[in-house]
Amino acid sequence: MLEGIRILDFSQYLPGPYASLRLGDMGAEVIKVEPLTGDPARALGDKREGTGLIFLANNRNKKSIALNLKEDEGKQIALDLMRQSDVVIESFRPGVMERLGLDYEVVKKENKDIIYCSLTGYGQDTALSHFGSHDINYIALSGMLSQLKDKRSEPVHPTITLADLAGGMAASEAILAALVQRSIKKEGSYIDLSLTDVMVSLMNNHVLIASEKGRQQGVAELTGAMISYHVYKTKDNRYMSLGALEPKFWINFCNAVGKDEWVPAHMSETTDQNPIYREMKELFQSYSMHEWMSFSQKVDCCMAPVLEPGELTSSKYVEERRLIFTPFEGYPEVATTYDKDSHTFPDLHPAPRLGEHTEMILKDVLKYPNEKVSRLRTTKVIKTEGVYHGVS
């Protein structure tokens, strides 16, 4: 869908790269602009052959050009690329791109159609804009973390970076909207996207309910406080989710387990004072998760297993929708789009080596003569194929 669109991505770590990953999966050409030392995600956490798994998971189908933006020539190369791009994504602290002379006001003078997305934690001009921050801060400040509490009402630290990923999705959504607007109005635009703003936007139900009813946990029926919408432990210490909100699904469940007398207890509470709840827990712990999975394939009652990440590759649903595939030496990749005709993606390329496409971009995209490219190899401006060609 985005074939012919060029994305110039200066972002690092997760939110921005996840946004450009989604756009690249839709067919856009993504040029990843990295410092000579590379995106820090290359060295972060668990690694495969020396490269961070976070980097590998979020940078397929991208080209890497390594530039020293502290050097005038490096800035000029970046500006030349901006002239020939449709979208710029950056995730530096507010003011950094301006100090480099690569901010939106400068770039739009060179390319009036440019769509420029600045992705930060707290926006460009708030009281918090210049403070350091991470995912845990955004979900805390937005109210999201208050919804993830244990039985002692203490916040549970999530093991997924909700704000980073939701922010990346919101950024790609905003960029797509800007591309549509450009096709209509024939002008570019600037996007100030805050990860905290995105998380607050997900609290719309909770905010209204808190205002109207004083209840802080959102939709009461969806909190796990009812026996028909709850997570139950199985015989093998796994878990099944039951979401039989509508009477027909609850009746199907009760009929299938031979407990028609439970039907009137549809909306009863998950407290140990409730005898039906106690019986429900005992029932679920009488069978394994796989036995309940087999049950859920036969009975239409809104039931699904709580799968672990390592189990997704063997999930029949994931396989049917081709959501995880292994194009690169058997390593799994997770789809961000689904195309039944092309079997998800027609062509895929693994995450690039640092500076893998530097010379190609200079020659083929910017049309720099060979003499200029050869000279740049002897400076501290570029890096190619993972080897620094500058002088020490």
Protein backbone atom coordinates (compact mmCIF):
# COMPACT_ATOMS: atom_id res chain seq x y z
CA MET A 1 0.00 0.00 0.00
CA LEU A 2 2.90 2.38 0.66
CA GLU A 3 5.07 1.43 -2.28
CA GLY A 4 6.85 4.55 -3.50
CA ILE A 5 6.87 6.25 -0.07
CA ARG A 6 10.29 6.90 1.46
CA ILE A 7 10.64 7.09 5.26
CA LEU A 8 13.78 8.63 6.76
CA ASP A 9 14.00 7.31 10.31
CA PHE A 10 16.37 8.90 12.84
CA SER A 11 14.69 7.23 15.82
CA GLN A 12 16.30 4.71 18.17
CA TYR A 13 15.39 1.97 20.65
CA LEU A 14 11.72 0.99 20.27
CA PRO A 15 8.79 3.41 19.65
CA GLY A 16 10.09 5.06 16.48
CA PRO A 17 11.61 1.89 14.98
CA TYR A 18 8.34 0.06 15.67
CA ALA A 19 6.44 2.82 13.84
CA SER A 20 8.73 2.61 10.81
CA LEU A 21 8.63 -1.20 10.96
CA ARG A 22 4.87 -1.06 10.51
CA LEU A 23 5.19 1.40 7.64
CA GLY A 24 7.91 -0.70 6.03
CA ASP A 25 5.74 -3.79 6.31
CA MET A 26 3.13 -1.86 4.32
CA GLY A 27 5.62 -1.39 1.52
CA ALA A 28 7.36 1.90 2.32
CA GLU A 29 11.10 2.24 1.77
CA VAL A 30 12.65 2.89 5.19
CA ILE A 31 16.12 4.41 5.45
CA LYS A 32 17.40 4.14 9.01
CA VAL A 33 19.83 6.94 9.89
CA GLU A 34 22.19 5.75 12.63
CA PRO A 35 25.12 7.36 14.43
CA LEU A 36 28.53 5.85 13.69
CA THR A 37 28.15 3.82 16.88
CA GLY A 38 24.76 2.53 15.76
CA ASP A 39 21.29 2.57 17.26
CA PRO A 40 21.88 1.81 20.99
CA ALA A 41 19.33 -1.00 20.65
CA ARG A 42 22.01 -2.93 18.76
CA ALA A 43 23.85 -3.38 22.07
CA LEU A 44 20.84 -3.65 24.38
CA GLY A 45 19.93 -6.75 26.39
CA ASP A 46 19.86 -10.26 24.94
CA LYS A 47 21.75 -10.69 21.68
CA ARG A 48 22.08 -12.91 18.64
CA GLU A 49 25.60 -12.98 17.24
CA GLY A 50 26.36 -9.72 19.03
CA THR A 51 23.27 -7.76 17.96
CA GLY A 52 20.45 -6.93 20.36
CA LEU A 53 17.25 -8.90 19.85
CA ILE A 54 15.22 -5.71 20.36
CA PHE A 55 17.01 -4.21 17.36
CA LEU A 56 16.54 -7.33 15.24
CA ALA A 57 12.84 -7.55 16.08
CA ASN A 58 12.06 -3.99 14.99
CA ASN A 59 14.28 -3.21 12.03
CA ARG A 60 13.64 -5.71 9.24
CA ASN A 61 13.10 -4.37 5.71
CA LYS A 62 15.16 -1.25 6.43
CA LYS A 63 18.30 0.22 4.94
CA SER A 64 21.01 1.54 7.26
CA ILE A 65 23.08 4.63 6.63
CA ALA A 66 25.54 5.60 9.37
CA LEU A 67 26.17 9.35 9.65
CA ASN A 68 28.00 11.61 12.05
CA LEU A 69 25.47 14.41 12.49
CA LYS A 70 27.98 16.41 14.52
CA GLU A 71 29.96 16.99 11.33
CA ASP A 72 28.70 19.57 8.82
CA GLU A 73 28.98 17.11 5.95
CA GLY A 74 26.97 14.54 7.89
CA LYS A 75 24.22 17.10 8.44
CA GLN A 76 24.30 17.99 4.77
CA ILE A 77 23.87 14.36 3.76
CA ALA A 78 20.89 14.09 6.12
CA LEU A 79 19.35 17.25 4.68
CA ASP A 80 19.90 15.98 1.14
CA LEU A 81 18.04 12.81 2.09
CA MET A 82 15.22 14.82 3.66
CA ARG A 83 14.75 16.63 0.37
CA GLN A 84 14.07 13.30 -1.30
CA SER A 85 11.92 11.72 1.40
CA ASP A 86 8.21 11.73 2.13
CA VAL A 87 8.41 11.24 5.90
CA VAL A 88 10.93 11.99 8.64
CA ILE A 89 10.73 10.28 12.05
CA GLU A 90 12.89 11.40 14.95
CA SER A 91 12.85 10.60 18.67
CA PHE A 92 15.49 12.89 20.15
CA ARG A 93 14.79 15.16 23.11
CA PRO A 94 13.09 18.42 22.11
CA GLY A 95 15.56 20.88 20.61
CA VAL A 96 18.16 18.37 19.43
CA MET A 97 17.15 18.42 15.76
CA GLU A 98 16.90 22.21 15.89
CA ARG A 99 20.46 22.46 17.21
CA LEU A 100 21.57 20.17 14.39
CA GLY A 101 19.81 22.39 11.86
CA LEU A 102 17.54 19.52 10.81
CA ASP A 103 14.26 20.53 12.46
CA TYR A 104 10.93 20.80 10.67
CA GLU A 105 11.14 24.54 10.03
CA VAL A 106 14.44 24.06 8.20
CA VAL A 107 13.42 20.94 6.33
CA LYS A 108 10.06 22.25 5.06
CA LYS A 109 11.91 25.10 3.32
CA GLU A 110 13.77 22.44 1.35
CA ASN A 111 10.82 20.05 0.98
CA LYS A 112 7.40 21.65 1.48
CA ASP A 113 5.66 18.26 1.21
CA ILE A 114 7.60 16.64 4.04
CA ILE A 115 5.72 14.91 6.86
CA TYR A 116 7.83 15.28 9.99
CA CYS A 117 7.05 13.22 13.10
CA SER A 118 8.76 14.02 16.41
CA LEU A 119 8.17 11.20 18.87
CA THR A 120 8.85 11.97 22.54
CA GLY A 121 7.69 10.98 25.99
CA TYR A 122 6.07 14.27 27.00
CA GLY A 123 5.70 16.34 23.84
CA GLN A 124 7.75 19.24 22.52
CA ASP A 125 6.73 22.10 24.80
CA THR A 126 5.40 20.88 28.16
CA ALA A 127 6.79 21.32 31.65
CA LEU A 128 8.14 17.75 31.41
CA SER A 129 9.47 17.91 27.85
CA HIS A 130 13.16 18.00 28.74
CA PHE A 131 13.10 15.33 31.44
CA GLY A 132 14.42 11.85 30.77
CA SER A 133 11.72 9.16 30.76
CA HIS A 134 10.86 5.61 29.83
CA ASP A 135 7.86 3.37 29.23
CA ILE A 136 7.20 2.78 32.93
CA ASN A 137 6.93 6.55 33.47
CA TYR A 138 4.40 7.02 30.65
CA ILE A 139 2.09 4.25 31.80
CA ALA A 140 2.33 5.50 35.38
CA LEU A 141 1.56 9.15 34.59
CA SER A 142 -1.26 8.25 32.21
CA GLY A 143 -3.19 6.24 34.79
CA MET A 144 -2.64 2.99 32.89
CA LEU A 145 -0.41 1.44 35.54
CA SER A 146 -3.08 1.97 38.20
CA GLN A 147 -5.23 -0.51 36.28
CA LEU A 148 -2.64 -3.29 36.56
CA LYS A 149 -2.87 -4.21 40.23
CA ASP A 150 -2.59 -7.46 42.16
CA LYS A 151 -4.95 -8.70 44.87
CA ARG A 152 -3.23 -6.42 47.37
CA SER A 153 -4.05 -3.42 45.15
CA GLU A 154 -0.36 -2.88 44.39
CA PRO A 155 0.66 -1.95 40.81
CA VAL A 156 2.13 -4.87 38.88
CA HIS A 157 5.19 -4.08 36.78
CA PRO A 158 4.24 -5.16 33.21
CA THR A 159 6.70 -7.22 31.20
CA ILE A 160 5.64 -5.58 27.93
CA THR A 161 6.37 -1.95 27.06
CA LEU A 162 2.82 -0.83 26.44
CA ALA A 163 3.52 2.85 25.82
CA ASP A 164 6.43 2.22 23.46
CA LEU A 165 4.42 -0.14 21.28
CA ALA A 166 1.11 1.74 21.42
CA GLY A 167 3.06 4.94 20.74
CA GLY A 168 4.67 3.36 17.69
CA MET A 169 1.25 2.33 16.41
CA ALA A 170 -0.12 5.82 17.04
CA ALA A 171 2.84 7.36 15.21
CA SER A 172 2.30 5.16 12.16
CA GLU A 173 -1.42 5.99 12.28
CA ALA A 174 -0.70 9.73 12.41
CA ILE A 175 1.79 9.47 9.56
CA LEU A 176 -0.72 7.58 7.42
CA ALA A 177 -3.33 10.26 8.13
CA ALA A 178 -0.79 12.96 7.18
CA LEU A 179 -0.08 11.14 3.90
CA VAL A 180 -3.81 11.13 3.12
CA GLN A 181 -4.04 14.84 3.99
CA ARG A 182 -1.07 15.58 1.75
CA SER A 183 -2.76 13.83 -1.16
CA ILE A 184 -5.80 16.10 -0.67
CA LYS A 185 -4.31 19.43 0.38
CA LYS A 186 -0.95 19.04 -1.37
CA GLU A 187 1.03 20.05 1.72
CA GLY A 188 3.15 18.41 4.36
CA SER A 189 2.70 18.57 8.12
CA TYR A 190 4.38 18.36 11.50
CA ILE A 191 3.38 15.71 14.06
CA ASP A 192 4.22 16.26 17.74
CA LEU A 193 3.53 12.80 19.14
CA SER A 194 3.83 12.16 22.88
CA LEU A 195 3.84 8.62 24.22
CA THR A 196 2.12 9.79 27.40
CA ASP A 197 -0.61 11.44 25.33
CA VAL A 198 -1.22 8.14 23.56
CA MET A 199 -1.58 6.29 26.85
CA VAL A 200 -3.96 8.91 28.25
CA SER A 201 -6.08 8.55 25.11
CA LEU A 202 -6.55 4.87 25.98
CA MET A 203 -8.09 5.86 29.32
CA ASN A 204 -11.23 7.42 27.82
CA ASN A 205 -13.65 4.88 29.34
CA HIS A 206 -11.95 5.04 32.72
CA VAL A 207 -11.91 8.83 32.90
CA LEU A 208 -15.62 9.18 32.15
CA ILE A 209 -16.60 6.39 34.54
CA ALA A 210 -14.44 7.87 37.30
CA SER A 211 -16.05 11.26 36.72
CA GLU A 212 -19.62 9.98 36.63
CA LYS A 213 -19.49 7.12 39.11
CA GLY A 214 -16.35 7.68 41.16
CA ARG A 215 -15.16 4.16 40.26
CA GLN A 216 -11.48 4.01 39.31
CA GLN A 217 -11.38 0.56 37.68
CA GLY A 218 -13.31 1.27 34.51
CA VAL A 219 -16.09 -0.92 33.13
CA ALA A 220 -17.23 -2.99 36.12
CA GLU A 221 -18.23 -5.97 33.99
CA LEU A 222 -14.72 -6.23 32.53
CA THR A 223 -12.63 -6.19 35.71
CA GLY A 224 -12.79 -9.90 36.48
CA ALA A 225 -15.29 -9.31 39.28
CA MET A 226 -17.94 -11.52 37.60
CA ILE A 227 -17.74 -15.30 37.25
CA SER A 228 -18.64 -15.17 33.55
CA TYR A 229 -15.75 -12.82 32.69
CA HIS A 230 -12.73 -14.07 34.55
CA VAL A 231 -9.40 -15.89 34.33
CA TYR A 232 -9.32 -19.38 35.86
CA LYS A 233 -6.42 -21.61 36.89
CA THR A 234 -6.30 -25.10 35.36
CA LYS A 235 -5.16 -28.48 36.69
CA ASP A 236 -1.62 -27.96 35.36
CA ASN A 237 -1.29 -24.46 36.83
CA ARG A 238 -2.02 -22.75 33.53
CA TYR A 239 -4.87 -20.33 32.89
CA MET A 240 -7.96 -19.99 30.73
CA SER A 241 -9.85 -16.80 29.98
CA LEU A 242 -13.64 -16.92 29.99
CA GLY A 243 -15.51 -13.97 28.46
CA ALA A 244 -19.12 -15.15 28.42
CA LEU A 245 -20.66 -11.71 28.94
CA GLU A 246 -23.67 -12.28 26.72
CA PRO A 247 -26.29 -14.69 28.15
CA LYS A 248 -26.14 -16.98 25.12
CA PHE A 249 -22.44 -17.68 25.65
CA TRP A 250 -22.90 -18.26 29.37
CA ILE A 251 -25.78 -20.64 28.70
CA ASN A 252 -23.63 -22.50 26.15
CA PHE A 253 -20.89 -22.89 28.75
CA CYS A 254 -23.24 -24.04 31.52
CA ASN A 255 -24.97 -26.51 29.24
CA ALA A 256 -21.66 -27.94 28.00
CA VAL A 257 -20.33 -28.58 31.52
CA GLY A 258 -23.66 -30.01 32.67
CA LYS A 259 -24.39 -27.20 35.11
CA ASP A 260 -27.68 -25.68 33.96
CA GLU A 261 -28.30 -24.60 37.56
CA TRP A 262 -25.46 -22.07 37.18
CA VAL A 263 -27.31 -20.07 34.50
CA PRO A 264 -29.00 -17.63 36.97
CA ALA A 265 -25.56 -16.85 38.48
CA HIS A 266 -24.36 -15.28 35.20
CA MET A 267 -23.50 -11.88 36.70
CA SER A 268 -22.59 -13.04 40.21
CA GLU A 269 -19.35 -11.94 41.86
CA THR A 270 -16.00 -13.69 42.04
CA THR A 271 -15.87 -13.85 45.82
CA ASP A 272 -15.33 -16.93 47.95
CA GLN A 273 -18.71 -16.26 49.54
CA ASN A 274 -20.24 -17.14 46.16
CA PRO A 275 -20.71 -20.96 46.04
CA ILE A 276 -20.96 -20.96 42.22
CA TYR A 277 -17.59 -19.20 41.98
CA ARG A 278 -16.03 -21.80 44.26
CA GLU A 279 -17.47 -24.55 42.07
CA MET A 280 -16.22 -22.79 38.93
CA LYS A 281 -12.68 -22.71 40.29
CA GLU A 282 -12.86 -26.38 41.21
CA LEU A 283 -14.18 -27.27 37.77
CA PHE A 284 -11.40 -25.47 35.92
CA GLN A 285 -8.76 -27.06 38.15
CA SER A 286 -10.13 -30.49 37.28
CA TYR A 287 -8.80 -30.32 33.71
CA SER A 288 -5.58 -29.25 32.03
CA MET A 289 -5.23 -26.19 29.84
CA HIS A 290 -5.06 -28.35 26.72
CA GLU A 291 -8.25 -30.14 27.71
CA TRP A 292 -9.96 -26.78 28.12
CA MET A 293 -8.51 -25.67 24.78
CA SER A 294 -10.15 -28.68 23.16
CA PHE A 295 -13.39 -27.73 24.93
CA SER A 296 -13.17 -24.15 23.64
CA GLN A 297 -12.88 -25.43 20.05
CA LYS A 298 -16.21 -27.23 20.40
CA VAL A 299 -18.27 -24.91 22.61
CA ASP A 300 -19.02 -21.32 21.56
CA CYS A 301 -18.59 -19.61 24.92
CA CYS A 302 -15.84 -16.99 24.47
CA MET A 303 -12.98 -19.02 25.94
CA ALA A 304 -9.27 -18.88 25.13
CA PRO A 305 -6.02 -20.05 26.75
CA VAL A 306 -3.49 -17.70 28.31
CA LEU A 307 -0.56 -18.50 26.02
CA GLU A 308 3.10 -17.76 26.67
CA PRO A 309 5.16 -16.03 23.93
CA GLY A 310 7.04 -19.23 23.15
CA GLU A 311 3.74 -21.00 22.44
CA LEU A 312 2.56 -18.57 19.78
CA THR A 313 4.54 -20.24 16.99
CA SER A 314 2.50 -23.43 17.49
CA SER A 315 -0.85 -21.65 17.83
CA LYS A 316 -3.30 -22.81 15.16
CA TYR A 317 -4.77 -19.33 14.91
CA VAL A 318 -1.36 -17.67 14.51
CA GLU A 319 -0.45 -20.25 11.89
CA GLU A 320 -3.71 -19.78 10.01
CA ARG A 321 -3.28 -16.01 9.88
CA ARG A 322 0.46 -16.31 9.19
CA LEU A 323 1.23 -13.90 12.03
CA ILE A 324 4.59 -15.44 12.83
CA PHE A 325 6.89 -16.68 10.09
CA THR A 326 10.52 -17.76 9.79
CA PRO A 327 12.09 -16.19 6.70
CA PHE A 328 15.62 -15.70 8.02
CA GLU A 329 17.44 -18.94 8.87
CA GLY A 330 14.49 -20.17 10.88
CA TYR A 331 14.30 -17.18 13.23
CA PRO A 332 10.71 -16.09 13.98
CA GLU A 333 9.36 -12.75 12.80
CA VAL A 334 6.02 -11.29 13.91
CA ALA A 335 3.78 -9.74 11.26
CA THR A 336 2.37 -6.24 11.73
CA THR A 337 0.04 -6.56 8.72
CA TYR A 338 -1.86 -9.42 7.15
CA ASP A 339 -2.22 -10.01 3.43
CA LYS A 340 -3.84 -13.33 2.58
CA ASP A 341 -2.94 -12.99 -1.10
CA SER A 342 0.78 -12.41 -0.60
CA HIS A 343 1.00 -14.71 2.43
CA THR A 344 1.85 -11.75 4.67
CA PHE A 345 4.91 -10.37 2.86
CA PRO A 346 6.22 -11.04 -0.67
CA ASP A 347 9.80 -9.97 0.12
CA LEU A 348 11.58 -9.70 3.42
CA HIS A 349 15.04 -8.60 4.44
CA PRO A 350 16.61 -9.01 7.87
CA ALA A 351 17.58 -6.05 10.03
CA PRO A 352 20.54 -4.33 8.37
CA ARG A 353 24.12 -4.28 9.52
CA LEU A 354 25.31 -0.88 10.70
CA GLY A 355 26.00 1.25 7.65
CA GLU A 356 25.18 -1.65 5.31
CA HIS A 357 23.53 0.63 2.75
CA THR A 358 25.52 3.83 3.28
CA GLU A 359 27.39 3.77 -0.03
CA MET A 360 24.35 2.56 -1.98
CA ILE A 361 22.23 5.41 -0.62
CA LEU A 362 24.91 8.01 -1.33
CA LYS A 363 25.33 6.78 -4.89
CA ASP A 364 21.86 5.62 -5.92
CA VAL A 365 19.54 7.85 -3.89
CA LEU A 366 21.58 11.06 -3.61
CA LYS A 367 23.50 10.52 -6.88
CA TYR A 368 26.81 11.53 -5.30
CA PRO A 369 29.71 10.95 -7.71
CA ASN A 370 32.15 8.14 -6.93
CA GLU A 371 34.88 10.64 -6.17
CA LYS A 372 32.81 12.26 -3.41
CA VAL A 373 31.86 8.92 -1.90
CA SER A 374 35.49 7.81 -1.94
CA ARG A 375 36.53 11.00 -0.17
CA LEU A 376 33.79 10.60 2.47
CA ARG A 377 35.21 7.16 3.28
CA THR A 378 38.37 8.86 4.54
CA THR A 379 36.50 11.21 6.89
CA LYS A 380 34.68 10.86 10.20
CA VAL A 381 31.35 11.42 8.48
CA ILE A 382 30.17 7.97 7.41
CA LYS A 383 30.40 4.28 8.27
CA THR A 384 29.84 1.49 5.77
CA GLU A 385 29.23 -2.24 6.09
CA GLY A 386 29.97 -2.15 9.82
CA VAL A 387 33.53 -0.95 9.20
CA TYR A 388 34.54 2.60 10.11
CA HIS A 389 36.49 4.08 7.19
CA GLY A 390 37.52 7.30 8.88
CA VAL A 391 40.85 8.28 10.32
CA SER A 392 41.56 7.74 14.02
